[in-house]
Protein backbone atom coordinates (compact mmCIF):
# COMPACT_ATOMS: atom_id res chain seq x y z
CA MET A 1 23.21 15.29 8.09
CA ASN A 2 19.58 16.50 7.77
CA TRP A 3 18.69 19.48 5.65
CA LYS A 4 17.19 22.55 7.29
CA THR A 5 13.96 23.78 5.74
CA ILE A 6 14.18 27.56 5.40
CA SER A 7 10.76 28.06 3.81
CA SER A 8 7.83 26.15 2.34
CA GLU A 9 5.28 27.37 -0.17
CA TYR A 10 2.17 25.26 -0.81
CA LEU A 11 1.29 24.95 -4.48
CA SER A 12 -1.74 22.68 -4.00
CA ARG A 13 -3.70 21.52 -0.96
CA HIS A 14 -5.88 18.50 -1.61
CA PRO A 15 -6.30 15.34 0.49
CA TYR A 16 -4.68 13.25 -2.25
CA PHE A 17 -2.36 15.82 -3.77
CA THR A 18 -0.71 18.36 -1.56
CA ALA A 19 2.38 19.80 -3.20
CA ARG A 20 4.89 22.23 -1.81
CA LYS A 21 8.08 23.96 -2.85
CA ASP A 22 10.76 24.01 -0.14
CA THR A 23 13.92 26.08 0.12
CA CYS A 24 16.48 24.11 2.12
CA GLU A 25 19.95 24.50 3.52
CA MET A 26 22.27 21.51 3.24
CA PRO A 27 24.68 20.69 6.11
CA ASP A 28 27.56 22.31 4.17
CA GLY A 29 25.61 25.57 3.85
CA LYS A 30 24.52 25.19 0.21
CA ILE A 31 21.01 26.44 -0.50
CA VAL A 32 18.61 24.24 -2.45
CA ASP A 33 15.92 26.50 -3.87
CA GLY A 34 13.00 24.69 -5.39
CA TYR A 35 12.86 21.21 -3.83
CA TYR A 36 9.38 19.92 -4.64
CA VAL A 37 7.55 17.54 -2.30
CA VAL A 38 4.18 15.84 -2.78
CA GLU A 39 2.63 15.13 0.62
CA LEU A 40 0.63 11.91 0.72
CA PRO A 41 -1.23 10.31 3.60
CA VAL A 42 0.12 7.10 5.08
CA SER A 43 -1.29 4.05 3.30
CA VAL A 44 -1.69 0.31 3.85
CA CYS A 45 -1.97 -2.80 1.69
CA SER A 46 -2.14 -6.50 2.39
CA LEU A 47 -1.62 -9.91 0.90
CA ALA A 48 -4.98 -11.16 2.13
CA ILE A 49 -5.45 -14.93 2.22
CA THR A 50 -8.79 -16.68 2.60
CA THR A 51 -9.45 -19.71 4.81
CA ASP A 52 -9.11 -21.89 1.70
CA GLY A 53 -5.67 -20.47 0.86
CA LYS A 54 -6.49 -18.05 -1.95
CA ALA A 55 -5.32 -14.44 -2.23
CA VAL A 56 -8.03 -11.79 -2.30
CA MET A 57 -6.96 -9.33 -4.97
CA VAL A 58 -8.66 -6.41 -6.65
CA LYS A 59 -8.85 -5.23 -10.23
CA GLN A 60 -9.46 -1.57 -10.93
CA TYR A 61 -8.87 1.22 -13.40
CA ARG A 62 -5.97 3.54 -12.56
CA HIS A 63 -6.38 6.79 -14.45
CA PRO A 64 -2.78 8.11 -14.19
CA ILE A 65 -1.55 5.11 -16.21
CA GLU A 66 -4.88 4.64 -18.06
CA GLU A 67 -5.01 0.90 -17.37
CA ILE A 68 -7.01 -1.64 -15.44
CA ILE A 69 -4.54 -3.38 -13.13
CA ILE A 70 -4.53 -6.13 -10.54
CA GLU A 71 -3.61 -4.98 -7.04
CA LEU A 72 -3.76 -5.90 -3.39
CA PRO A 73 -6.53 -4.43 -1.27
CA GLY A 74 -5.55 -1.33 0.68
CA GLY A 75 -5.81 2.40 0.87
CA PHE A 76 -5.12 5.54 2.86
CA VAL A 77 -5.01 5.70 6.64
CA ASP A 78 -7.50 8.21 8.05
CA ASP A 79 -6.23 11.08 10.25
CA GLY A 80 -5.49 9.74 13.73
CA GLU A 81 -6.11 6.12 12.67
CA ASP A 82 -3.56 3.43 13.45
CA PRO A 83 -2.33 1.62 10.30
CA SER A 84 -3.23 -1.77 11.83
CA LYS A 85 -6.85 -0.61 12.24
CA ALA A 86 -6.84 0.95 8.77
CA VAL A 87 -5.84 -2.29 7.07
CA HIS A 88 -8.78 -4.13 8.71
CA ARG A 89 -11.12 -1.33 7.62
CA GLU A 90 -9.78 -1.21 4.06
CA LEU A 91 -9.98 -4.99 3.66
CA LEU A 92 -13.59 -5.01 4.78
CA GLU A 93 -14.59 -1.96 2.70
CA GLU A 94 -12.90 -3.05 -0.53
CA THR A 95 -13.52 -6.79 -0.38
CA GLY A 96 -16.17 -7.57 2.25
CA TYR A 97 -13.70 -9.99 3.87
CA GLU A 98 -12.72 -10.15 7.53
CA PHE A 99 -9.43 -11.78 8.59
CA SER A 100 -8.59 -13.65 11.79
CA SER A 101 -4.91 -12.70 11.66
CA VAL A 102 -3.25 -9.55 10.32
CA GLU A 103 0.51 -9.09 10.74
CA LEU A 104 2.79 -6.22 9.77
CA VAL A 105 5.52 -7.49 7.42
CA GLY A 106 7.15 -4.23 6.32
CA LYS A 107 7.06 -0.50 5.72
CA VAL A 108 8.23 1.18 2.50
CA ALA A 109 8.47 4.66 1.03
CA GLY A 110 7.13 4.79 -2.52
CA ASN A 111 9.48 7.45 -3.87
CA PRO A 112 11.13 9.37 -1.01
CA GLY A 113 12.87 11.75 -3.42
CA LEU A 114 9.48 13.30 -4.22
CA LEU A 115 6.71 11.72 -2.13
CA SER A 116 6.19 11.87 1.62
CA GLY A 117 4.46 9.11 3.56
CA TYR A 118 5.01 5.44 4.09
CA THR A 119 3.00 2.39 3.10
CA TYR A 120 2.58 -0.27 5.78
CA LEU A 121 2.58 -3.80 4.39
CA TYR A 122 0.54 -6.61 5.93
CA LEU A 123 -0.09 -10.32 5.67
CA ALA A 124 -3.72 -11.13 6.48
CA GLN A 125 -4.84 -14.72 6.92
CA GLY A 126 -8.03 -16.60 7.71
CA GLY A 127 -10.23 -14.45 5.51
CA ARG A 128 -13.91 -15.06 5.11
CA GLU A 129 -16.49 -12.99 3.30
CA ILE A 130 -18.90 -11.40 5.78
CA ALA A 131 -20.27 -8.36 3.93
CA SER A 132 -20.59 -6.71 0.56
CA GLN A 133 -18.19 -4.03 -0.60
CA SER A 134 -18.54 -0.51 0.78
CA LEU A 135 -16.68 1.55 -1.80
CA ASP A 136 -15.87 5.24 -2.04
CA HIS A 137 -17.84 7.19 -4.66
CA ASN A 138 -14.91 7.08 -7.11
CA GLU A 139 -14.07 3.39 -6.73
CA GLU A 140 -15.05 0.54 -9.03
CA ILE A 141 -13.30 -2.55 -7.74
CA GLU A 142 -13.66 -6.11 -8.98
CA ILE A 143 -12.75 -8.72 -6.37
CA MET A 144 -10.69 -11.72 -7.44
CA THR A 145 -9.62 -14.78 -5.46
CA VAL A 146 -6.41 -16.22 -6.84
CA PRO A 147 -4.43 -19.33 -5.78
CA LEU A 148 -1.13 -18.30 -4.18
CA GLU A 149 0.85 -20.21 -6.81
CA GLU A 150 -0.83 -18.10 -9.49
CA VAL A 151 0.04 -14.90 -7.61
CA HIS A 152 3.70 -16.02 -7.74
CA ALA A 153 3.32 -16.67 -11.48
CA MET A 154 1.69 -13.26 -12.00
CA LEU A 155 4.70 -11.64 -10.31
CA SER A 156 7.07 -13.59 -12.56
CA ARG A 157 5.13 -12.45 -15.64
CA ASN A 158 5.19 -8.80 -14.41
CA GLU A 159 1.38 -8.71 -14.27
CA ILE A 160 1.35 -6.93 -10.90
CA VAL A 161 2.81 -3.49 -11.58
CA GLN A 162 1.87 -1.46 -8.50
CA ALA A 163 5.35 -1.18 -6.95
CA LEU A 164 4.22 -0.85 -3.33
CA HIS A 165 2.08 -3.96 -3.74
CA VAL A 166 4.98 -5.88 -5.27
CA SER A 167 6.97 -4.95 -2.15
CA CYS A 168 4.15 -6.21 0.04
CA LEU A 169 4.03 -9.50 -1.83
CA PHE A 170 7.80 -9.89 -1.44
CA TYR A 171 7.69 -9.44 2.34
CA ALA A 172 4.47 -11.43 2.81
CA PHE A 173 5.74 -14.40 0.78
CA GLN A 174 9.02 -14.21 2.72
CA LYS A 175 7.01 -14.43 5.97
CA LEU A 176 4.91 -17.33 4.65
CA ASP A 177 8.07 -19.19 3.57
CA ALA A 178 9.61 -18.72 7.03
CA MET A 179 6.40 -19.96 8.66
CA SER A 180 6.30 -23.08 6.46
CA ARG A 181 9.99 -23.86 7.19
CA GLN A 182 9.27 -23.52 10.90
CA PHE A 183 6.82 -26.43 10.67
CA VAL A 184 9.28 -28.55 8.64
CA ASP A 185 12.26 -28.10 10.99
């Protein structure tokens, strides 16, 4: 059922934008000439909850859409780094918060028709601020702490538009709901 890659030609090689043109053979023998793939590193994001029950969110400018948007903390996994280690690192770098519990709640592909790479989704709990931000040279990130009920409302009002982060919120809230029902039953 998989396609066979006959050839690949790299059009761009950059850590955040590596693009290639593949020529592939489908299982029935048809040739697909010109299938374009953007290779992206694996990434992580997390619904990060403080000890007082608020979500740690970030606000930053996103040039491709020319807007300042509200997102979850996260980022790219370094070469050879485990995603579970990367999420701890990204949380600390972007927010200055450390979390006592971090649990994988899902894994999604942003647009597998064009983009490679998965995003690992986490629920982090027990967060407390222990440091100041340690941002990359091209990052300007405002930290926000938001009550969980307001995060739900923001989703309902379509105020969180980063699709991978919406997926993370879906799975993290599903996990939180299951945990709360466990204590009720």
